Protein backbone atom coordinates (compact mmCIF):
# COMPACT_ATOMS: atom_id res chain seq x y z
CA UNK A 1 0.00 0.00 0.00
CA UNK A 2 1.31 3.44 -0.88
CA UNK A 3 2.54 5.99 1.70
CA UNK A 4 3.12 9.74 1.72
CA UNK A 5 6.47 11.32 2.50
CA UNK A 6 9.25 9.44 4.25
CA UNK A 7 9.10 5.77 5.12
CA UNK A 8 6.84 5.56 8.18
CA UNK A 9 8.01 3.95 11.37
CA UNK A 10 4.80 2.00 11.44
CA UNK A 11 3.53 1.32 7.96
CA UNK A 12 0.14 0.32 6.61
CA UNK A 13 1.32 -3.28 5.89
CA UNK A 14 3.18 -5.53 8.35
CA UNK A 15 4.88 -8.88 7.64
CA UNK A 16 5.45 -11.46 10.37
CA UNK A 17 7.62 -14.62 9.92
CA UNK A 18 7.55 -17.59 12.28
CA UNK A 19 9.55 -20.91 12.14
CA UNK A 20 7.30 -23.67 13.39
CA UNK A 21 8.15 -26.44 15.81
CA UNK A 22 6.80 -29.94 15.39
CA UNK A 23 2.99 -29.97 15.81
CA UNK A 24 2.77 -26.20 16.54
CA UNK A 25 -0.69 -24.78 15.94
CA UNK A 26 -0.68 -21.35 17.71
CA UNK A 27 1.53 -18.49 16.56
CA UNK A 28 1.59 -15.32 18.64
CA UNK A 29 3.82 -12.79 20.39
CA UNK A 30 6.65 -11.33 18.40
CA UNK A 31 8.65 -12.59 15.49
CA UNK A 32 12.13 -11.19 15.11
CA UNK A 33 10.75 -7.63 14.67
CA UNK A 34 7.20 -6.96 15.82
CA UNK A 35 4.53 -8.36 18.07
CA UNK A 36 1.70 -9.90 16.09
CA UNK A 37 -1.29 -7.55 15.98
CA UNK A 38 -4.21 -7.16 13.64
CA UNK A 39 -7.51 -5.33 13.76
CA UNK A 40 -9.52 -7.24 11.17
CA UNK A 41 -8.95 -10.88 10.03
CA UNK A 42 -10.44 -10.03 6.62
CA UNK A 43 -7.45 -7.74 5.94
CA UNK A 44 -4.79 -10.39 6.57
CA UNK A 45 -3.03 -13.12 4.44
CA UNK A 46 -1.51 -16.22 6.03
CA UNK A 47 1.00 -18.42 4.14
CA UNK A 48 2.48 -21.80 5.17
CA UNK A 49 5.65 -22.56 3.25
CA UNK A 50 4.48 -20.09 0.56
CA UNK A 51 0.98 -21.57 0.20
CA UNK A 52 -1.92 -19.16 0.92
CA UNK A 53 -4.19 -20.62 3.59
CA UNK A 54 -8.00 -20.44 3.58
CA UNK A 55 -9.27 -18.50 6.64
CA UNK A 56 -12.50 -20.42 6.56
CA UNK A 57 -10.92 -23.87 6.82
CA UNK A 58 -7.17 -23.70 7.48
CA UNK A 59 -6.83 -21.29 10.47
CA UNK A 60 -8.66 -19.15 12.99
CA UNK A 61 -7.89 -15.45 13.66
CA UNK A 62 -10.17 -13.84 16.26
CA UNK A 63 -8.04 -12.63 19.14
CA UNK A 64 -6.18 -9.84 17.31
CA UNK A 65 -2.82 -11.19 18.56
CA UNK A 66 -2.61 -14.85 17.48
CA UNK A 67 -3.11 -17.28 14.56
CA UNK A 68 -4.37 -20.82 15.29
CA UNK A 69 -3.83 -23.50 12.54
CA UNK A 70 -6.38 -26.21 11.99
CA UNK A 71 -3.57 -28.81 11.77
CA UNK A 72 -0.20 -28.82 13.50
CA UNK A 73 2.80 -27.67 11.43
CA UNK A 74 5.95 -29.66 10.88
CA UNK A 75 9.26 -28.67 12.40
CA UNK A 76 10.97 -26.03 10.28
CA UNK A 77 7.79 -24.95 8.44
CA UNK A 78 7.65 -21.23 7.70
CA UNK A 79 4.46 -19.35 8.65
CA UNK A 80 4.15 -15.93 7.01
CA UNK A 81 1.48 -13.45 8.12
CA UNK A 82 0.78 -10.31 6.10
CA UNK A 83 -1.41 -7.76 7.97
CA UNK A 84 -3.06 -4.89 6.09
CA UNK A 85 -4.13 -2.11 8.51
CA UNK A 86 -6.36 0.86 7.59
CA UNK A 87 -4.54 4.07 6.72
CA UNK A 88 -3.72 6.33 9.73
CA UNK A 89 -1.87 9.60 10.21
CA UNK A 90 1.51 8.61 11.46
CA UNK A 91 3.95 10.26 13.80
CA UNK A 92 6.42 11.56 11.29
CA UNK A 93 7.34 14.54 9.15
CA UNK A 94 5.74 15.28 5.82
CA UNK A 95 8.04 16.95 3.35
CA UNK A 96 6.42 19.87 1.59
CA UNK A 97 2.80 20.98 1.76
CA UNK A 98 -0.08 18.69 2.60
CA UNK A 99 -3.38 19.88 1.19
CA UNK A 100 -6.86 18.39 1.40
CA UNK A 101 -9.06 19.84 -1.29
CA UNK A 102 -12.36 19.26 0.55
CA UNK A 103 -13.66 17.84 3.76
CA UNK A 104 -11.61 15.45 5.82
CA UNK A 105 -13.11 12.66 7.90
CA UNK A 106 -11.25 10.20 10.09
CA UNK A 107 -13.22 7.24 11.40
CA UNK A 108 -16.62 8.90 10.86
CA UNK A 109 -16.27 11.50 13.62
CA UNK A 110 -12.88 11.01 15.26
CA UNK A 111 -11.77 14.02 13.26
CA UNK A 112 -14.07 15.98 10.96
CA UNK A 113 -12.98 18.97 8.91
CA UNK A 114 -15.87 20.95 7.40
CA UNK A 115 -14.19 23.00 4.68
CA UNK A 116 -17.41 24.71 3.64
CA UNK A 117 -18.04 26.32 7.04
CA UNK A 118 -14.43 26.38 8.28
CA UNK A 119 -15.22 24.07 11.17
CA UNK A 120 -13.30 21.33 12.91
CA UNK A 121 -14.96 18.63 14.95
CA UNK A 122 -13.31 16.14 17.30
CA UNK A 123 -15.59 13.32 18.23
CA UNK A 124 -18.51 15.00 16.49
CA UNK A 125 -19.69 16.74 13.35
CA UNK A 126 -18.86 20.37 14.17
CA UNK A 127 -21.53 23.01 14.72
CA UNK A 128 -18.94 25.62 15.70
CA UNK A 129 -15.50 26.53 14.42
CA UNK A 130 -14.02 24.13 16.97
CA UNK A 131 -16.39 21.54 18.35
CA UNK A 132 -15.17 18.87 20.75
CA UNK A 133 -17.40 16.08 22.06
CA UNK A 134 -15.98 13.64 24.59
CA UNK A 135 -18.95 11.33 24.42
CA UNK A 136 -19.38 9.72 27.82
CA UNK A 137 -16.07 11.06 29.12
CA UNK A 138 -16.10 13.86 31.70
CA UNK A 139 -12.97 15.54 30.35
CA UNK A 140 -13.83 17.18 27.04
CA UNK A 141 -10.41 18.66 26.19
CA UNK A 142 -6.96 18.77 27.75
CA UNK A 143 -4.42 21.56 27.40
CA UNK A 144 -1.09 20.59 28.89
CA UNK A 145 2.18 22.35 29.57
CA UNK A 146 5.37 21.29 31.30
CA UNK A 147 5.51 24.71 32.98
CA UNK A 148 3.82 25.44 36.32
CA UNK A 149 1.41 27.77 34.51
CA UNK A 150 -0.66 26.79 31.48
CA UNK A 151 -2.97 29.16 29.62
CA UNK A 152 -5.30 29.33 26.67
CA UNK A 153 -5.10 32.60 24.77
CA UNK A 154 -8.33 34.18 23.50
CA UNK A 155 -7.87 36.96 20.95
CA UNK A 156 -10.54 39.24 19.53
CA UNK A 157 -10.41 42.39 17.45
CA UNK A 158 -10.43 44.43 20.67
CA UNK A 159 -7.71 42.60 22.55
CA UNK A 160 -6.78 39.33 24.16
CA UNK A 161 -7.17 37.43 27.40
CA UNK A 162 -5.59 34.41 29.04
CA UNK A 163 -7.48 31.68 30.89
CA UNK A 164 -5.62 28.84 32.49
CA UNK A 165 -4.05 27.32 35.55
CA UNK A 166 -1.39 28.50 37.95
CA UNK A 167 -0.46 25.50 40.01
CA UNK A 168 -3.85 24.12 41.11
CA UNK A 169 -5.61 27.48 40.77
CA UNK A 170 -7.75 28.67 37.88
CA UNK A 171 -6.84 32.21 36.82
CA UNK A 172 -8.20 34.73 34.31
CA UNK A 173 -6.00 37.43 32.77
CA UNK A 174 -7.93 40.02 30.72
CA UNK A 175 -5.49 42.33 28.92
CA UNK A 176 -2.53 40.68 30.63
CA UNK A 177 -3.59 41.44 34.23
CA UNK A 178 -4.99 38.84 36.62
CA UNK A 179 -8.58 39.74 37.51
CA UNK A 180 -10.03 36.52 38.95
CA UNK A 181 -8.74 33.39 40.66
CA UNK A 182 -10.37 30.19 41.94
CA UNK A 183 -7.97 28.46 44.28
CA UNK A 184 -7.66 24.74 44.90
CA UNK A 185 -10.09 24.97 47.87
CA UNK A 186 -12.84 26.60 45.84
CA UNK A 187 -12.32 30.13 47.15
CA UNK A 188 -12.91 32.87 44.58
CA UNK A 189 -10.89 36.05 44.40
CA UNK A 190 -11.93 38.98 42.18
CA UNK A 191 -9.32 41.68 41.87
CA UNK A 192 -7.01 39.70 44.16
CA UNK A 193 -4.79 36.65 43.78
CA UNK A 194 -5.25 35.71 47.46
CA UNK A 195 -8.92 34.94 48.16
CA UNK A 196 -8.17 33.71 51.70
CA UNK A 197 -6.29 36.87 52.72
CA UNK A 198 -8.72 39.62 53.79
CA UNK A 199 -7.42 42.88 55.23
CA UNK A 200 -4.08 41.26 56.00
CA UNK A 201 -5.61 38.26 57.81
CA UNK A 202 -5.20 34.79 56.33
CA UNK A 203 -8.16 32.45 56.86
CA UNK A 204 -7.42 28.76 57.07
CA UNK A 205 -10.88 27.38 56.40
CA UNK A 206 -14.26 28.21 54.97
CA UNK A 207 -15.39 29.17 51.50
CA UNK A 208 -14.90 32.79 50.54
CA UNK A 209 -15.81 35.15 47.76
CA UNK A 210 -13.26 37.94 48.07
CA UNK A 211 -13.81 41.00 45.88
CA UNK A 212 -11.28 43.81 45.92
CA UNK A 213 -12.01 46.97 43.97
CA UNK A 214 -11.61 50.70 44.26
CA UNK A 215 -15.15 51.08 42.92
CA UNK A 216 -17.77 48.45 43.62
CA UNK A 217 -19.18 45.00 42.93
CA UNK A 218 -22.39 44.74 40.98
CA UNK A 219 -25.02 42.05 40.42
CA UNK A 220 -27.23 42.89 37.42
CA UNK A 221 -30.35 41.09 36.18
CA UNK A 222 -31.07 41.50 32.48
CA UNK A 223 -34.37 42.25 30.86
CA UNK A 224 -35.59 44.57 33.57
CA UNK A 225 -35.91 41.73 36.05
CA UNK A 226 -35.09 41.92 39.72
CA UNK A 227 -31.53 40.93 40.56
CA UNK A 228 -31.24 38.46 43.44
CA UNK A 229 -28.55 37.06 45.68
CA UNK A 230 -29.68 33.80 47.29
CA UNK A 231 -28.10 32.80 50.59
CA UNK A 232 -28.64 29.15 51.45
CA UNK A 233 -27.22 26.58 53.83
CA UNK A 234 -27.56 22.84 53.68
CA UNK A 235 -31.03 21.39 54.18
CA UNK A 236 -33.87 19.95 52.23
CA UNK A 237 -36.33 22.75 52.72
CA UNK A 238 -35.96 26.03 50.91
CA UNK A 239 -38.67 27.43 53.18
CA UNK A 240 -36.32 27.05 56.11
CA UNK A 241 -32.91 27.59 54.54
CA UNK A 242 -32.92 29.99 51.59
CA UNK A 243 -32.78 33.74 52.12
CA UNK A 244 -32.51 36.36 49.39
CA UNK A 245 -31.32 39.88 48.80
CA UNK A 246 -33.03 41.49 45.83
CA UNK A 247 -32.78 44.79 44.01
CA UNK A 248 -36.09 45.90 42.53
CA UNK A 249 -37.06 49.34 41.32
CA UNK A 250 -34.22 51.09 43.12
CA UNK A 251 -34.94 49.37 46.46
CA UNK A 252 -32.99 46.64 48.23
CA UNK A 253 -35.24 43.89 49.58
CA UNK A 254 -34.53 41.11 52.06
CA UNK A 255 -36.64 37.99 52.54
CA UNK A 256 -36.87 34.24 52.05
CA UNK A 257 -37.85 31.98 49.22
CA UNK A 258 -40.51 29.29 49.25
CA UNK A 259 -40.51 25.64 48.25
CA UNK A 260 -43.67 26.39 46.33
CA UNK A 261 -42.00 29.23 44.46
CA UNK A 262 -42.04 32.96 45.04
CA UNK A 263 -40.55 35.19 47.68
CA UNK A 264 -41.71 36.59 51.00
CA UNK A 265 -40.28 40.03 51.70
CA UNK A 266 -39.37 40.84 55.31
CA UNK A 267 -37.33 44.05 55.07
CA UNK A 268 -36.69 46.75 52.50
CA UNK A 269 -34.17 49.56 52.07
CA UNK A 270 -35.84 51.83 49.52
CA UNK A 271 -34.23 54.24 47.08
CA UNK A 272 -34.62 57.12 49.54
CA UNK A 273 -32.73 55.32 52.30
CA UNK A 274 -35.81 54.40 54.33
CA UNK A 275 -35.68 51.07 56.21
CA UNK A 276 -39.00 49.20 56.22
CA UNK A 277 -39.66 46.02 58.22
CA UNK A 278 -42.90 44.13 57.71
CA UNK A 279 -44.31 46.95 55.56
CA UNK A 280 -43.73 48.62 52.21
CA UNK A 281 -45.17 51.98 53.31
CA UNK A 282 -42.30 54.46 53.27
CA UNK A 283 -44.48 57.34 54.51
CA UNK A 284 -45.57 56.50 58.06
CA UNK A 285 -48.00 58.90 59.64
CA UNK A 286 -50.24 59.04 62.69
CA UNK A 287 -53.20 57.66 60.74
CA UNK A 288 -51.31 54.64 59.43
CA UNK A 289 -52.19 51.60 61.53
CA UNK A 290 -50.54 49.01 59.27
CA UNK A 291 -48.27 46.67 61.21
CA UNK A 292 -44.55 47.09 60.66
CA UNK A 293 -41.58 49.34 61.29
CA UNK A 294 -40.63 52.32 59.16
CA UNK A 295 -37.35 54.11 59.82
CA UNK A 296 -37.06 57.07 57.50
CA UNK A 297 -33.82 58.66 56.41
CA UNK A 298 -35.18 62.05 57.52
CA UNK A 299 -35.43 60.84 61.14
CA UNK A 300 -39.14 60.04 61.10
CA UNK A 301 -39.96 56.61 62.52
CA UNK A 302 -43.08 54.57 63.10
CA UNK A 303 -43.63 51.33 64.99
CA UNK A 304 -47.05 49.75 64.55
CA UNK A 305 -48.46 46.47 65.83
CA UNK A 306 -51.88 45.11 66.67
CA UNK A 307 -52.64 43.77 70.14
CA UNK A 308 -49.18 44.11 71.72
CA UNK A 309 -46.43 46.57 72.53
CA UNK A 310 -45.08 48.30 69.44
CA UNK A 311 -41.59 48.75 70.80
CA UNK A 312 -39.53 47.45 73.71
CA UNK A 313 -36.37 48.99 75.11
CA UNK A 314 -34.44 46.89 77.58
CA UNK A 315 -31.34 47.52 79.67
CA UNK A 316 -29.62 44.26 80.39
CA UNK A 317 -27.84 44.85 83.70
CA UNK A 318 -27.27 48.01 85.72
CA UNK A 319 -29.55 50.98 86.19
CA UNK A 320 -29.22 53.90 83.80
CA UNK A 321 -30.53 55.43 80.63
CA UNK A 322 -32.70 53.26 78.42
CA UNK A 323 -33.77 55.88 75.88
CA UNK A 324 -32.11 59.25 75.32
CA UNK A 325 -33.71 62.25 73.60
CA UNK A 326 -31.71 65.04 72.04
CA UNK A 327 -31.87 68.16 69.89
CA UNK A 328 -29.03 69.60 67.82
CA UNK A 329 -26.59 67.20 69.41
CA UNK A 330 -27.58 68.06 72.99
CA UNK A 331 -29.54 65.71 75.22
CA UNK A 332 -32.88 67.16 76.30
CA UNK A 333 -34.25 64.22 78.26
CA UNK A 334 -34.15 60.51 78.90
CA UNK A 335 -35.99 57.50 80.25
CA UNK A 336 -34.08 55.64 82.95
CA UNK A 337 -34.23 52.37 84.82
CA UNK A 338 -33.90 53.10 88.56
CA UNK A 339 -33.96 50.27 91.09
CA UNK A 340 -36.80 48.55 89.30
CA UNK A 341 -38.69 51.82 88.73
CA UNK A 342 -38.96 54.03 85.65
CA UNK A 343 -37.63 57.57 85.81
CA UNK A 344 -38.27 60.12 83.09
CA UNK A 345 -37.17 63.73 82.74
CA UNK A 346 -34.16 65.95 82.23
CA UNK A 347 -31.53 67.35 84.58
CA UNK A 348 -33.00 68.47 87.90
CA UNK A 349 -36.59 67.90 86.76
CA UNK A 350 -38.01 64.43 86.53
CA UNK A 351 -40.52 61.90 87.81
CA UNK A 352 -40.10 58.45 89.33
CA UNK A 353 -42.89 55.97 88.67
CA UNK A 354 -43.01 53.38 91.47
CA UNK A 355 -45.29 50.48 90.64
CA UNK A 356 -44.98 48.79 94.02
CA UNK A 357 -46.49 51.58 96.15
CA UNK A 358 -47.80 52.98 93.65
CA UNK A 359 -46.69 56.61 93.64
CA UNK A 360 -45.23 59.26 91.35
CA UNK A 361 -42.24 61.00 92.91
CA UNK A 362 -40.42 64.17 91.78
CA UNK A 363 -36.80 63.36 90.95
CA UNK A 364 -33.45 64.73 89.92
CA UNK A 365 -32.62 62.70 86.82
CA UNK A 366 -28.97 63.69 86.92
CA UNK A 367 -28.40 62.14 90.36
CA UNK A 368 -31.38 59.71 90.35
CA UNK A 369 -32.26 61.14 93.77
CA UNK A 370 -35.70 62.14 95.00
CA UNK A 371 -36.19 65.89 94.45
CA UNK A 372 -37.88 67.02 97.66
CA UNK A 373 -39.54 70.46 97.73
CA UNK A 374 -37.91 71.69 94.51
CA UNK A 375 -40.20 71.03 91.51
CA UNK A 376 -43.37 72.96 90.63
CA UNK A 377 -46.37 71.56 88.77
CA UNK A 378 -47.16 74.08 86.06
CA UNK A 379 -46.40 77.83 86.10
CA UNK A 380 -48.19 81.10 85.60
CA UNK A 381 -48.19 80.95 81.81
CA UNK A 382 -48.70 77.20 81.71
CA UNK A 383 -51.43 76.28 84.14
CA UNK A 384 -53.31 73.06 84.70
CA UNK A 385 -57.06 73.38 84.46
CA UNK A 386 -58.63 70.86 86.81
CA UNK A 387 -56.87 68.45 89.15
CA UNK A 388 -58.85 65.34 90.01
CA UNK A 389 -58.03 63.49 93.21
CA UNK A 390 -59.81 61.32 95.71
CA UNK A 391 -58.25 63.08 98.66
CA UNK A 392 -56.97 66.59 99.11
CA UNK A 393 -53.36 67.56 98.93
CA UNK A 394 -51.17 67.01 101.97
CA UNK A 395 -49.06 70.01 102.89
CA UNK A 396 -46.20 69.82 105.34
CA UNK A 397 -47.09 71.39 108.68
CA UNK A 398 -44.38 70.06 110.96
CA UNK A 399 -43.42 72.47 113.74
CA UNK A 400 -39.83 71.35 113.44
CA UNK A 401 -39.70 72.79 109.94
CA UNK A 402 -41.21 76.17 110.80
CA UNK A 403 -40.03 79.34 112.56
CA UNK A 404 -41.45 82.75 113.39
CA UNK A 405 -44.67 81.12 114.62
CA UNK A 406 -47.02 83.86 115.89
CA UNK A 407 -50.64 84.88 116.18
CA UNK A 408 -52.10 87.37 113.73
CA UNK A 409 -51.53 91.02 114.42
CA UNK A 410 -54.38 93.44 114.69
CA UNK A 411 -53.52 94.75 111.21
CA UNK A 412 -53.64 91.24 109.82
CA UNK A 413 -56.98 90.63 111.54
CA UNK A 414 -58.27 93.83 110.02
CA UNK A 415 -57.08 92.82 106.53
CA UNK A 416 -58.54 89.34 106.91
CA UNK A 417 -61.88 90.75 108.00
CA UNK A 418 -61.89 92.94 104.92
CA UNK A 419 -60.87 90.10 102.62
CA UNK A 420 -63.59 87.82 103.99
CA UNK A 421 -66.11 90.29 102.59
CA UNK A 422 -64.51 90.19 99.13
CA UNK A 423 -65.72 86.73 98.05
CA UNK A 424 -67.78 86.92 94.86
CA UNK A 425 -69.13 84.77 92.07
CA UNK A 426 -67.65 84.99 88.57
CA UNK A 427 -67.06 83.21 85.24
CA UNK A 428 -63.75 82.74 83.45
CA UNK A 429 -63.36 84.63 80.17
CA UNK A 430 -61.92 81.71 78.20
CA UNK A 431 -64.72 79.41 79.40
CA UNK A 432 -67.39 81.88 78.32
CA UNK A 433 -65.65 82.24 74.97
CA UNK A 434 -65.65 78.48 74.55
CA UNK A 435 -69.00 77.57 76.16
CA UNK A 436 -71.05 80.78 76.15
CA UNK A 437 -73.91 80.78 78.66
CA UNK A 438 -73.06 77.16 79.55
CA UNK A 439 -69.88 78.29 81.29
CA UNK A 440 -70.15 77.51 84.99
CA UNK A 441 -70.05 80.02 87.87
CA UNK A 442 -67.12 80.01 90.31
CA UNK A 443 -66.65 81.52 93.77
CA UNK A 444 -63.54 83.30 94.93
CA UNK A 445 -61.77 86.58 95.41
CA UNK A 446 -60.12 89.04 93.07
CA UNK A 447 -56.35 89.19 93.62
CA UNK A 448 -56.22 92.94 93.02
CA UNK A 449 -58.89 93.50 95.69
CA UNK A 450 -57.04 91.30 98.15
CA UNK A 451 -53.88 93.29 97.52
CA UNK A 452 -55.77 96.54 98.14
CA UNK A 453 -57.25 95.22 101.40
CA UNK A 454 -53.76 94.38 102.59
CA UNK A 455 -52.50 97.81 101.59
CA UNK A 456 -55.41 99.50 103.40
CA UNK A 457 -54.37 97.63 106.55
CA UNK A 458 -50.80 98.81 106.13
CA UNK A 459 -49.52 95.45 104.91
CA UNK A 460 -47.57 94.37 101.82
CA UNK A 461 -49.45 91.58 100.02
CA UNK A 462 -46.31 90.43 98.22
CA UNK A 463 -44.86 89.27 101.56
CA UNK A 464 -47.69 86.77 102.07
CA UNK A 465 -47.74 83.38 100.37
CA UNK A 466 -51.48 83.47 99.64
CA UNK A 467 -50.96 86.32 97.17
CA UNK A 468 -48.93 85.52 93.98
CA UNK A 469 -47.71 87.60 91.07
CA UNK A 470 -45.83 86.12 88.10
CA UNK A 471 -44.36 88.00 85.13
CA UNK A 472 -43.27 86.66 81.74
CA UNK A 473 -42.85 87.87 78.19
CA UNK A 474 -44.82 86.78 75.12
CA UNK A 475 -43.88 86.99 71.48
CA UNK A 476 -46.20 86.06 68.63
CA UNK A 477 -44.72 84.23 65.66
CA UNK A 478 -46.67 84.01 62.39
CA UNK A 479 -46.28 80.52 60.95
CA UNK A 480 -47.00 80.53 57.21
CA UNK A 481 -49.27 78.06 55.45
CA UNK A 482 -47.75 74.92 53.97
CA UNK A 483 -48.80 73.46 50.62
CA UNK A 484 -49.18 69.71 50.23
CA UNK A 485 -46.30 67.90 48.49
CA UNK A 486 -46.52 64.37 47.12
CA UNK A 487 -43.73 61.95 47.93
CA UNK A 488 -41.33 61.04 45.13
CA UNK A 489 -38.62 58.42 45.13
CA UNK A 490 -35.08 59.32 44.18
CA UNK A 491 -34.18 58.96 40.48
CA UNK A 492 -31.02 56.90 39.87
CA UNK A 493 -28.85 56.47 36.80
CA UNK A 494 -27.65 53.10 35.49
CA UNK A 495 -24.71 53.17 37.90
CA UNK A 496 -26.92 53.70 40.94
CA UNK A 497 -25.96 57.37 41.40
CA UNK A 498 -28.69 59.77 42.52
CA UNK A 499 -29.82 62.04 39.67
CA UNK A 500 -32.78 63.56 41.51
CA UNK A 501 -33.10 63.52 45.27
CA UNK A 502 -36.12 61.89 46.87
CA UNK A 503 -38.97 64.21 47.87
CA UNK A 504 -40.72 63.65 51.18
CA UNK A 505 -44.48 63.94 51.47
CA UNK A 506 -45.75 67.09 53.20
CA UNK A 507 -49.28 67.54 54.51
CA UNK A 508 -51.06 70.81 53.82
CA UNK A 509 -51.39 73.18 56.78
CA UNK A 510 -53.08 76.55 57.22
CA UNK A 511 -51.21 79.58 58.52
CA UNK A 512 -51.43 80.19 62.27
CA UNK A 513 -50.00 82.32 65.05
CA UNK A 514 -47.72 80.69 67.64
CA UNK A 515 -47.10 82.40 70.97
CA UNK A 516 -43.68 81.80 72.51
CA UNK A 517 -43.04 82.62 76.19
CA UNK A 518 -39.86 83.74 77.97
CA UNK A 519 -39.05 83.97 81.68
CA UNK A 520 -36.94 87.13 81.50
CA UNK A 521 -36.76 90.25 79.40
CA UNK A 522 -33.22 89.35 78.40
CA UNK A 523 -34.38 86.07 76.90
CA UNK A 524 -37.30 87.62 75.03
CA UNK A 525 -36.85 88.97 71.47
CA UNK A 526 -37.37 92.59 70.63
CA UNK A 527 -41.04 93.52 70.57
CA UNK A 528 -42.11 90.92 73.11
CA UNK A 529 -45.01 91.87 75.39
CA UNK A 530 -44.65 91.78 79.18
CA UNK A 531 -47.41 89.86 80.90
CA UNK A 532 -48.30 89.67 84.59
CA UNK A 533 -50.80 87.34 86.16
CA UNK A 534 -51.98 87.57 89.78
CA UNK A 535 -52.96 84.50 91.72
CA UNK A 536 -54.28 83.32 95.07
CA UNK A 537 -53.33 80.27 97.10
CA UNK A 538 -56.76 79.58 98.57
CA UNK A 539 -55.63 77.16 101.32
CA UNK A 540 -53.26 79.85 102.58
CA UNK A 541 -55.85 82.63 102.21
CA UNK A 542 -58.58 80.65 103.95
CA UNK A 543 -56.16 79.80 106.74
CA UNK A 544 -55.39 83.52 107.06
CA UNK A 545 -59.10 84.41 107.20
CA UNK A 546 -59.85 81.49 109.53
CA UNK A 547 -57.08 82.47 111.97
CA UNK A 548 -58.32 86.05 112.03
CA UNK A 549 -61.90 84.90 112.52
CA UNK A 550 -60.91 82.61 115.40
CA UNK A 551 -58.95 85.37 117.12
CA UNK A 552 -61.90 87.75 116.67
CA UNK A 553 -64.26 85.15 118.12
CA UNK A 554 -61.91 84.63 121.08
CA UNK A 555 -61.84 88.37 121.67
CA UNK A 556 -65.64 88.50 121.41
CA UNK A 557 -65.99 85.66 123.86
CA UNK A 558 -63.67 87.45 126.31
CA UNK A 559 -65.65 90.66 125.90
CA UNK A 560 -68.91 88.80 126.33
CA UNK A 561 -67.68 87.17 129.53
CA UNK A 562 -66.67 90.60 130.84
CA UNK A 563 -70.10 92.02 129.95
CA UNK A 564 -71.82 89.18 131.74
CA UNK A 565 -69.70 89.75 134.85
CA UNK A 566 -70.44 93.43 134.86
CA UNK A 567 -74.13 92.78 134.23
CA UNK A 568 -74.29 90.37 137.13
CA UNK A 569 -72.62 92.94 139.37
CA UNK A 570 -75.09 95.61 138.34
CA UNK A 571 -78.00 93.34 138.96
CA UNK A 572 -76.68 92.52 142.47
CA UNK A 573 -76.66 96.21 143.46
């Protein structure tokens, strides 16, 4: 059979010669040159002493490595075997050019060259320019190098990239710079060649995705769909194991997936920076009773729940602040835990709520001490209307805490007598304005008249606790009307940068006048109006009148006794 180029090391025809021993029937192994081997008995000639044998009657050839004669040979007989193998590309050099004018097929699909479409197939008819099919094998192709690093070079019109192995790691080199590595433990590094080294610390175990970049990492879903990151641990049930992070419409959502399909959202960070838990309403208001938590980026927050506490603040160990309130960086108040009680207030002014007794106690929140005899309830420009109580107030009257104890002077008795005649009925102006004729009638004195009665008796009303005068300053501030504004989410570009800031919803409000009060003229702004309000402590005043009345009655009783004595004496004469 013809050959191309130089004499091949392994040709397409092989000749085997064997010298038989007496009675030998089986010829195998090697002759003086080659080991007997054939692939098809139909492409083989067997001669005994130059006579061509009949494969159907004279010998058997089925094993591929032996010939078995039907009758034993004689000693010295020569068995000649000529094997004709199919043509194969041989491991040798072809001198000159080797050209195939059309398609080339080797063993149906071992190698297929499609000249029409410029395709090469290995193990298959090619559907791409290079198409490799391993059949049932798990390794489709092998690229091997004797160096420690082995790469495949991909070149396009815009540049080139390398993909290959470095030791046992898989590495990717776009434009000649390593951008991604998968190490032998399955850790993935993006922008770093050391996935297990994070911020200078080397981790010895665990699976890591380590991304290093001066910009950011991005997960993008095509086609306008929501992009998701699924976090899952081992377990059969997705309902129990799989959690997701999803970007949808400019918001970042957190939830869990379901075995039945679909997602259940539990928390959302919307495009305006609002954090929503159990709700998608980013505009909480006082009339929103939907359950959930809304923490707005502007500082507005709402906690809503049906049938239970909407928020719980707990201090684990020692007493101290549980919730702090501030304005412009300065604390203005706090809620404290104090020996099992709750204390609320600021600085020297606070209240202790004691559930065990139960009582409400004035307190100094700075020291957590009881504030005895130092805190007022209301003031002249901020009065309580009615105080409801089962029993009257208890006022300290301990002798040990008093001095200057004395009976009323004659001037005081005179003033008290005059004041006792000053009680009148009246109606409050603001109640008449609000209720008209339905406003109720009250009984009392007029502070100015009480002051005049004291003056007429030669006394200074300001030195007596039953007469009060408080001065403050008022300044009216005109608050303009507010137009309603609809909420708008922030507008983002394709890179996630804010193009248009989010707009918060604003409720419409009419213009009104706000009156601010100040304790001193120095604190008040220019143009503030000075106000003075007179008041009466009725328990003190009634005690004053009662003491004077008792002393007058005692004097009358003494005078009466004297009259009776004198009358008796006159009658005896």
